């Protein structure tokens, strides 16, 4: 009787250790600047350590850190001011995924976790909108206005683009160079 009790207790202890070991392996911790998108019976987002149930749930990592997009225009992306000056520029945008579960899920649904973490995809997705915002804001100002009040121009661009970009957020913008376009590199007027 004691031997059977000892064997049953030992088997229970081994099974308990095995279950705890398997659960420990399924404990996932996202790194800083990442979120876990967990799919299964219900979708959820985790920014800290969480248990992903084996077989029932699947977890993907989404990069939510800030990305730097630098735009130096080609001939068709030049700024045209209110006084019809053609300008070249250098603009640096900081874009990240808004750190809320709803916005992380919006990004994951729209792009998928892998594509949303790819810098080339982010640039292809946002470059046209960012250039358009720069061009629309510049069209309302003269060349001298752009040179004298760069902060006002940046604020105009931020208002034109908007901060919320379908789960992504425009955190900051710096226009660090505005200069007249060289006629030899400017290309045809567009």
Protein backbone atom coordinates (compact mmCIF):
# COMPACT_ATOMS: atom_id res chain seq x y z
CA UNK A 1 0.00 0.00 0.00
CA UNK A 2 2.80 2.42 0.90
CA UNK A 3 4.64 1.59 -2.32
CA UNK A 4 1.53 2.34 -4.41
CA UNK A 5 0.97 5.60 -2.55
CA UNK A 6 4.63 6.50 -3.07
CA UNK A 7 4.40 5.69 -6.82
CA UNK A 8 1.17 7.69 -7.26
CA UNK A 9 2.65 10.65 -5.35
CA UNK A 10 5.86 10.45 -7.38
CA UNK A 11 3.94 10.27 -10.67
CA UNK A 12 1.82 13.24 -9.61
CA UNK A 13 4.93 15.23 -8.67
CA UNK A 14 6.63 14.41 -12.01
CA UNK A 15 3.47 15.37 -13.91
CA UNK A 16 3.23 18.64 -11.97
CA UNK A 17 6.87 19.50 -12.66
CA UNK A 18 6.39 18.64 -16.35
CA UNK A 19 3.28 20.85 -16.60
CA UNK A 20 5.06 23.74 -14.85
CA UNK A 21 8.06 23.31 -17.16
CA UNK A 22 5.85 23.41 -20.27
CA UNK A 23 4.01 26.48 -18.96
CA UNK A 24 7.35 28.14 -18.17
CA UNK A 25 8.42 27.57 -21.77
CA UNK A 26 5.21 29.27 -22.93
CA UNK A 27 5.77 32.35 -20.77
CA UNK A 28 6.65 35.07 -23.31
CA UNK A 29 8.23 38.43 -22.55
CA UNK A 30 8.40 41.09 -25.25
CA UNK A 31 11.55 43.20 -25.39
CA UNK A 32 11.44 46.95 -24.93
CA UNK A 33 9.74 48.56 -27.93
CA UNK A 34 7.75 45.44 -28.76
CA UNK A 35 4.26 44.12 -28.13
CA UNK A 36 2.91 40.58 -28.33
CA UNK A 37 -0.20 40.05 -30.42
CA UNK A 38 -1.78 36.85 -29.14
CA UNK A 39 -4.42 35.07 -31.18
CA UNK A 40 -6.51 32.17 -30.06
CA UNK A 41 -9.97 32.00 -28.56
CA UNK A 42 -9.76 35.78 -28.21
CA UNK A 43 -7.23 38.33 -29.48
CA UNK A 44 -5.21 40.26 -27.00
CA UNK A 45 -2.09 42.39 -26.75
CA UNK A 46 0.61 42.12 -24.11
CA UNK A 47 3.31 44.66 -23.37
CA UNK A 48 4.76 42.66 -20.45
CA UNK A 49 5.33 38.99 -19.59
CA UNK A 50 2.33 36.83 -20.33
CA UNK A 51 1.41 33.19 -20.68
CA UNK A 52 0.70 31.92 -24.19
CA UNK A 53 -1.21 28.67 -23.91
CA UNK A 54 0.27 25.86 -25.98
CA UNK A 55 -1.80 24.64 -28.95
CA UNK A 56 -4.64 27.07 -28.14
CA UNK A 57 -2.84 30.39 -28.70
CA UNK A 58 -0.20 31.81 -31.01
CA UNK A 59 1.92 34.91 -30.34
CA UNK A 60 3.55 37.26 -32.84
CA UNK A 61 5.90 40.12 -32.02
CA UNK A 62 5.13 43.62 -33.31
CA UNK A 63 7.78 46.34 -33.23
CA UNK A 64 6.19 49.45 -31.72
CA UNK A 65 9.37 51.45 -31.32
CA UNK A 66 9.90 54.82 -32.96
CA UNK A 67 11.23 54.70 -36.51
CA UNK A 68 13.10 57.54 -38.14
CA UNK A 69 12.13 58.35 -41.72
CA UNK A 70 14.37 60.82 -43.51
CA UNK A 71 12.98 62.37 -46.67
CA UNK A 72 15.25 64.06 -49.16
CA UNK A 73 13.16 64.75 -52.25
CA UNK A 74 13.60 63.77 -55.84
CA UNK A 75 12.55 66.21 -58.58
CA UNK A 76 8.83 65.47 -58.29
CA UNK A 77 8.77 65.88 -54.50
CA UNK A 78 10.15 69.43 -54.33
CA UNK A 79 8.28 72.06 -52.35
CA UNK A 80 6.55 74.83 -54.28
CA UNK A 81 5.87 77.89 -52.15
CA UNK A 82 3.15 80.52 -52.29
CA UNK A 83 5.54 82.77 -54.26
CA UNK A 84 6.27 79.92 -56.74
CA UNK A 85 9.76 79.13 -55.47
CA UNK A 86 10.91 75.52 -55.89
CA UNK A 87 12.73 74.28 -52.81
CA UNK A 88 14.61 71.19 -51.84
CA UNK A 89 14.61 70.08 -48.23
CA UNK A 90 15.53 67.45 -45.72
CA UNK A 91 12.81 66.35 -43.29
CA UNK A 92 13.12 63.82 -40.50
CA UNK A 93 9.93 62.19 -39.20
CA UNK A 94 9.62 60.04 -36.08
CA UNK A 95 6.81 57.51 -36.44
CA UNK A 96 5.85 54.71 -34.08
CA UNK A 97 2.93 52.52 -33.18
CA UNK A 98 0.70 54.05 -30.54
CA UNK A 99 1.13 52.04 -27.32
CA UNK A 100 -2.48 51.02 -26.82
CA UNK A 101 -3.96 47.57 -27.35
CA UNK A 102 -6.53 48.93 -29.80
CA UNK A 103 -3.90 50.62 -32.00
CA UNK A 104 -1.54 47.65 -31.91
CA UNK A 105 -4.40 45.44 -33.11
CA UNK A 106 -5.27 47.98 -35.85
CA UNK A 107 -1.70 47.86 -37.14
CA UNK A 108 -1.53 44.07 -36.89
CA UNK A 109 -4.82 43.73 -38.80
CA UNK A 110 -3.86 46.22 -41.50
CA UNK A 111 -0.27 45.14 -42.17
CA UNK A 112 0.49 42.04 -40.16
CA UNK A 113 3.16 41.97 -37.48
CA UNK A 114 6.06 41.11 -39.76
CA UNK A 115 5.31 43.78 -42.40
CA UNK A 116 4.58 46.43 -39.75
CA UNK A 117 8.04 45.83 -38.31
CA UNK A 118 9.80 46.24 -41.67
CA UNK A 119 11.33 49.74 -42.20
CA UNK A 120 10.98 49.54 -45.99
CA UNK A 121 7.26 48.83 -45.68
CA UNK A 122 6.82 51.74 -43.28
CA UNK A 123 8.61 54.10 -45.67
CA UNK A 124 6.58 52.90 -48.67
CA UNK A 125 3.37 53.28 -46.68
CA UNK A 126 3.97 56.76 -45.25
CA UNK A 127 6.31 58.56 -47.65
CA UNK A 128 3.55 59.75 -50.04
CA UNK A 129 1.45 61.10 -47.15
CA UNK A 130 4.42 62.82 -45.51
CA UNK A 131 5.60 64.41 -48.76
CA UNK A 132 2.06 65.55 -49.51
CA UNK A 133 1.81 67.17 -46.06
CA UNK A 134 5.11 68.98 -46.61
CA UNK A 135 4.06 70.21 -50.05
CA UNK A 136 0.59 71.38 -48.95
CA UNK A 137 1.99 73.28 -45.96
CA UNK A 138 4.75 74.87 -48.06
CA UNK A 139 2.24 75.99 -50.68
CA UNK A 140 0.57 78.21 -48.04
CA UNK A 141 3.84 79.98 -47.15
CA UNK A 142 6.41 82.06 -49.00
CA UNK A 143 10.06 81.06 -49.26
CA UNK A 144 11.01 83.79 -46.79
CA UNK A 145 8.30 82.60 -44.35
CA UNK A 146 9.73 79.09 -44.49
CA UNK A 147 13.24 80.37 -43.77
CA UNK A 148 12.16 82.74 -40.97
CA UNK A 149 9.68 80.55 -39.11
CA UNK A 150 10.66 76.93 -39.49
CA UNK A 151 8.72 76.00 -36.35
CA UNK A 152 5.49 77.39 -37.81
CA UNK A 153 6.11 75.39 -40.98
CA UNK A 154 6.69 72.20 -38.99
CA UNK A 155 3.47 72.82 -37.03
CA UNK A 156 1.58 73.31 -40.31
CA UNK A 157 2.98 70.04 -41.65
CA UNK A 158 2.03 68.19 -38.45
CA UNK A 159 -1.52 69.58 -38.67
CA UNK A 160 -1.76 68.67 -42.36
CA UNK A 161 -0.63 65.08 -41.83
CA UNK A 162 -2.32 64.53 -38.48
CA UNK A 163 -0.86 62.68 -35.56
CA UNK A 164 -2.99 59.52 -35.78
CA UNK A 165 -2.10 57.36 -38.78
CA UNK A 166 -4.29 54.25 -38.39
CA UNK A 167 -2.57 52.97 -35.28
CA UNK A 168 0.75 54.62 -36.04
CA UNK A 169 1.48 58.00 -34.51
CA UNK A 170 3.57 60.88 -35.85
CA UNK A 171 5.67 61.75 -32.83
CA UNK A 172 7.92 64.47 -34.20
CA UNK A 173 9.11 66.27 -37.30
CA UNK A 174 12.29 68.22 -37.93
CA UNK A 175 12.90 70.10 -41.17
CA UNK A 176 16.62 70.70 -40.99
CA UNK A 177 17.28 72.00 -44.49
CA UNK A 178 15.32 74.15 -46.92
CA UNK A 179 17.13 75.54 -49.94
CA UNK A 180 16.31 76.74 -53.45
CA UNK A 181 16.27 73.86 -55.89
CA UNK A 182 19.16 73.86 -58.31
CA UNK A 183 17.77 74.28 -61.82
CA UNK A 184 20.08 71.56 -63.15
CA UNK A 185 18.70 68.94 -60.72
CA UNK A 186 15.16 70.19 -60.37
CA UNK A 187 13.76 68.53 -63.48
CA UNK A 188 10.59 69.65 -65.23
CA UNK A 189 7.99 71.67 -63.35
CA UNK A 190 5.28 69.45 -61.84
